[in-house]
Amino acid sequence: MSDTAPLTPIHIAVDDPVFDGHFPGHPIVPGALLLDAVLQAAATTHPGRRWRLVSGKFVSPAAPGDALSVELSPPSASATLSFRVLAGERVIASGSLQIVDSPA
């Protein structure tokens, strides 16, 4: 993805209860929460579309307080887009989404 791709911030409170059980003594942001943020970013940047996860890879843990953001590529001719979840320049997760329906 290019250096100019827009970033969508992810806001997760440091004291969010999700960290209580994930994992005690060494909390990390759950992957499901990150993927939900990716889907929300796609829905915001491409209104009227629904997306499905095609692939996803978690490469680095995110801790409470990390400044996280989602980077999305423009959709390709095959109606897929690539994403990255970032903590600064560190890649937390990456993958791709595909449109599952036409615009509303």
C-alpha atoms as a PDB file:
ATOM      1  CA  MET A   1       0.000   0.000   0.000  1.00  0.00           C
ATOM      2  CA  SER A   2       1.138   3.505  -0.628  1.00  0.00           C
ATOM      3  CA  ASP A   3       2.417   5.984   1.929  1.00  0.00           C
ATOM      4  CA  THR A   4      -0.579   8.191   1.136  1.00  0.00           C
ATOM      5  CA  ALA A   5      -3.335   5.665   1.978  1.00  0.00           C
ATOM      6  CA  PRO A   6      -5.758   7.247   4.462  1.00  0.00           C
ATOM      7  CA  LEU A   7      -5.698   5.913   8.016  1.00  0.00           C
ATOM      8  CA  THR A   8      -8.756   5.301  10.190  1.00  0.00           C
ATOM      9  CA  PRO A   9      -7.963   5.442  13.919  1.00  0.00           C
ATOM     10  CA  ILE A  10      -9.065   2.622  16.220  1.00  0.00           C
ATOM     11  CA  HIS A  11     -10.241   3.783  19.640  1.00  0.00           C
ATOM     12  CA  ILE A  12     -10.036   1.210  22.451  1.00  0.00           C
ATOM     13  CA  ALA A  13     -10.028   2.468  26.035  1.00  0.00           C
ATOM     14  CA  VAL A  14      -7.027   1.332  28.072  1.00  0.00           C
ATOM     15  CA  ASP A  15      -9.417   0.197  30.818  1.00  0.00           C
ATOM     16  CA  ASP A  16     -11.810  -1.640  28.440  1.00  0.00           C
ATOM     17  CA  PRO A  17     -13.090  -4.797  30.170  1.00  0.00           C
ATOM     18  CA  VAL A  18     -11.976  -6.900  27.195  1.00  0.00           C
ATOM     19  CA  PHE A  19      -8.427  -6.744  28.577  1.00  0.00           C
ATOM     20  CA  ASP A  20      -9.447  -8.375  31.880  1.00  0.00           C
ATOM     21  CA  GLY A  21      -9.498 -11.836  30.336  1.00  0.00           C
ATOM     22  CA  HIS A  22      -7.273 -11.363  27.313  1.00  0.00           C
ATOM     23  CA  PHE A  23      -4.741 -12.143  28.830  1.00  0.00           C
ATOM     24  CA  PRO A  24      -4.386 -11.635  32.601  1.00  0.00           C
ATOM     25  CA  GLY A  25      -0.971 -10.189  33.409  1.00  0.00           C
ATOM     26  CA  HIS A  26      -0.158  -9.563  29.729  1.00  0.00           C
ATOM     27  CA  PRO A  27      -3.155  -7.930  28.047  1.00  0.00           C
ATOM     28  CA  ILE A  28      -3.379  -7.724  24.253  1.00  0.00           C
ATOM     29  CA  VAL A  29      -6.076  -6.416  21.939  1.00  0.00           C
ATOM     30  CA  PRO A  30      -8.206  -9.369  20.748  1.00  0.00           C
ATOM     31  CA  GLY A  31      -7.984 -10.121  17.034  1.00  0.00           C
ATOM     32  CA  ALA A  32     -11.786 -10.120  16.715  1.00  0.00           C
ATOM     33  CA  LEU A  33     -11.827  -6.513  17.941  1.00  0.00           C
ATOM     34  CA  LEU A  34      -9.216  -5.558  15.343  1.00  0.00           C
ATOM     35  CA  LEU A  35     -11.125  -7.266  12.525  1.00  0.00           C
ATOM     36  CA  ASP A  36     -14.329  -5.537  13.605  1.00  0.00           C
ATOM     37  CA  ALA A  37     -12.504  -2.199  13.364  1.00  0.00           C
ATOM     38  CA  VAL A  38     -11.320  -3.116   9.843  1.00  0.00           C
ATOM     39  CA  LEU A  39     -14.879  -3.942   8.757  1.00  0.00           C
ATOM     40  CA  GLN A  40     -16.160  -0.696  10.290  1.00  0.00           C
ATOM     41  CA  ALA A  41     -13.476   1.286   8.448  1.00  0.00           C
ATOM     42  CA  ALA A  42     -14.419  -0.398   5.159  1.00  0.00           C
ATOM     43  CA  ALA A  43     -18.126   0.333   5.761  1.00  0.00           C
ATOM     44  CA  THR A  44     -17.336   3.982   6.539  1.00  0.00           C
ATOM     45  CA  THR A  45     -15.105   4.539   3.511  1.00  0.00           C
ATOM     46  CA  HIS A  46     -17.378   2.559   1.151  1.00  0.00           C
ATOM     47  CA  PRO A  47     -20.976   3.230   2.321  1.00  0.00           C
ATOM     48  CA  GLY A  48     -23.679   0.849   1.150  1.00  0.00           C
ATOM     49  CA  ARG A  49     -21.291  -2.085   0.747  1.00  0.00           C
ATOM     50  CA  ARG A  50     -21.011  -5.250   2.820  1.00  0.00           C
ATOM     51  CA  TRP A  51     -17.666  -6.989   3.157  1.00  0.00           C
ATOM     52  CA  ARG A  52     -16.402 -10.461   3.963  1.00  0.00           C
ATOM     53  CA  LEU A  53     -12.977 -11.402   5.246  1.00  0.00           C
ATOM     54  CA  VAL A  54     -10.987 -13.233   2.570  1.00  0.00           C
ATOM     55  CA  SER A  55      -7.716 -13.522   4.472  1.00  0.00           C
ATOM     56  CA  GLY A  56      -6.161 -12.227   7.640  1.00  0.00           C
ATOM     57  CA  LYS A  57      -2.839 -12.575   9.395  1.00  0.00           C
ATOM     58  CA  PHE A  58      -1.866 -11.351  12.848  1.00  0.00           C
ATOM     59  CA  VAL A  59       1.845 -10.581  12.913  1.00  0.00           C
ATOM     60  CA  SER A  60       2.406  -8.585  16.105  1.00  0.00           C
ATOM     61  CA  PRO A  61       0.407  -8.148  19.323  1.00  0.00           C
ATOM     62  CA  ALA A  62      -1.210  -4.812  20.153  1.00  0.00           C
ATOM     63  CA  ALA A  63      -1.199  -3.710  23.790  1.00  0.00           C
ATOM     64  CA  PRO A  64      -3.623  -1.457  25.650  1.00  0.00           C
ATOM     65  CA  GLY A  65      -2.709   2.143  24.893  1.00  0.00           C
ATOM     66  CA  ASP A  66      -1.147   1.447  21.474  1.00  0.00           C
ATOM     67  CA  ALA A  67      -2.227   4.088  18.946  1.00  0.00           C
ATOM     68  CA  LEU A  68      -3.842   1.842  16.333  1.00  0.00           C
ATOM     69  CA  SER A  69      -5.157   2.634  12.872  1.00  0.00           C
ATOM     70  CA  VAL A  70      -6.561   0.849   9.822  1.00  0.00           C
ATOM     71  CA  GLU A  71      -5.111   1.391   6.355  1.00  0.00           C
ATOM     72  CA  LEU A  72      -7.274   0.326   3.390  1.00  0.00           C
ATOM     73  CA  SER A  73      -6.294   0.080  -0.272  1.00  0.00           C
ATOM     74  CA  PRO A  74      -8.793   1.075  -2.968  1.00  0.00           C
ATOM     75  CA  PRO A  75     -10.952  -1.861  -4.136  1.00  0.00           C
ATOM     76  CA  SER A  76      -9.462  -3.815  -7.032  1.00  0.00           C
ATOM     77  CA  ALA A  77     -11.234  -4.864 -10.222  1.00  0.00           C
ATOM     78  CA  SER A  78     -12.165  -8.107  -8.431  1.00  0.00           C
ATOM     79  CA  ALA A  79     -13.932  -6.101  -5.674  1.00  0.00           C
ATOM     80  CA  THR A  80     -11.303  -6.868  -3.035  1.00  0.00           C
ATOM     81  CA  LEU A  81      -9.274  -4.498  -0.920  1.00  0.00           C
ATOM     82  CA  SER A  82      -6.203  -5.015   1.202  1.00  0.00           C
ATOM     83  CA  PHE A  83      -5.949  -3.808   4.772  1.00  0.00           C
ATOM     84  CA  ARG A  84      -3.327  -3.329   7.429  1.00  0.00           C
ATOM     85  CA  VAL A  85      -3.791  -2.605  11.116  1.00  0.00           C
ATOM     86  CA  LEU A  86      -0.906  -0.445  12.285  1.00  0.00           C
ATOM     87  CA  ALA A  87       0.599   0.752  15.557  1.00  0.00           C
ATOM     88  CA  GLY A  88       2.603   3.634  14.154  1.00  0.00           C
ATOM     89  CA  GLU A  89       4.643   1.959  11.431  1.00  0.00           C
ATOM     90  CA  ARG A  90       4.495  -1.506  13.038  1.00  0.00           C
ATOM     91  CA  VAL A  91       2.128  -3.902  11.272  1.00  0.00           C
ATOM     92  CA  ILE A  92      -0.227  -5.633  13.709  1.00  0.00           C
ATOM     93  CA  ALA A  93      -2.413  -7.445  11.172  1.00  0.00           C
ATOM     94  CA  SER A  94      -2.988  -7.556   7.423  1.00  0.00           C
ATOM     95  CA  GLY A  95      -5.319  -9.214   4.980  1.00  0.00           C
ATOM     96  CA  SER A  96      -8.040  -8.640   2.438  1.00  0.00           C
ATOM     97  CA  LEU A  97     -11.784  -8.055   2.240  1.00  0.00           C
ATOM     98  CA  GLN A  98     -14.182  -8.656  -0.626  1.00  0.00           C
ATOM     99  CA  ILE A  99     -17.474  -6.951  -1.482  1.00  0.00           C
ATOM    100  CA  VAL A 100     -20.382  -9.370  -0.995  1.00  0.00           C
ATOM    101  CA  ASP A 101     -23.164  -7.248  -2.497  1.00  0.00           C
ATOM    102  CA  SER A 102     -23.796  -4.262  -4.726  1.00  0.00           C
ATOM    103  CA  PRO A 103     -24.260  -0.704  -3.457  1.00  0.00           C
ATOM    104  CA  ALA A 104     -27.517   0.090  -1.718  1.00  0.00           C
END
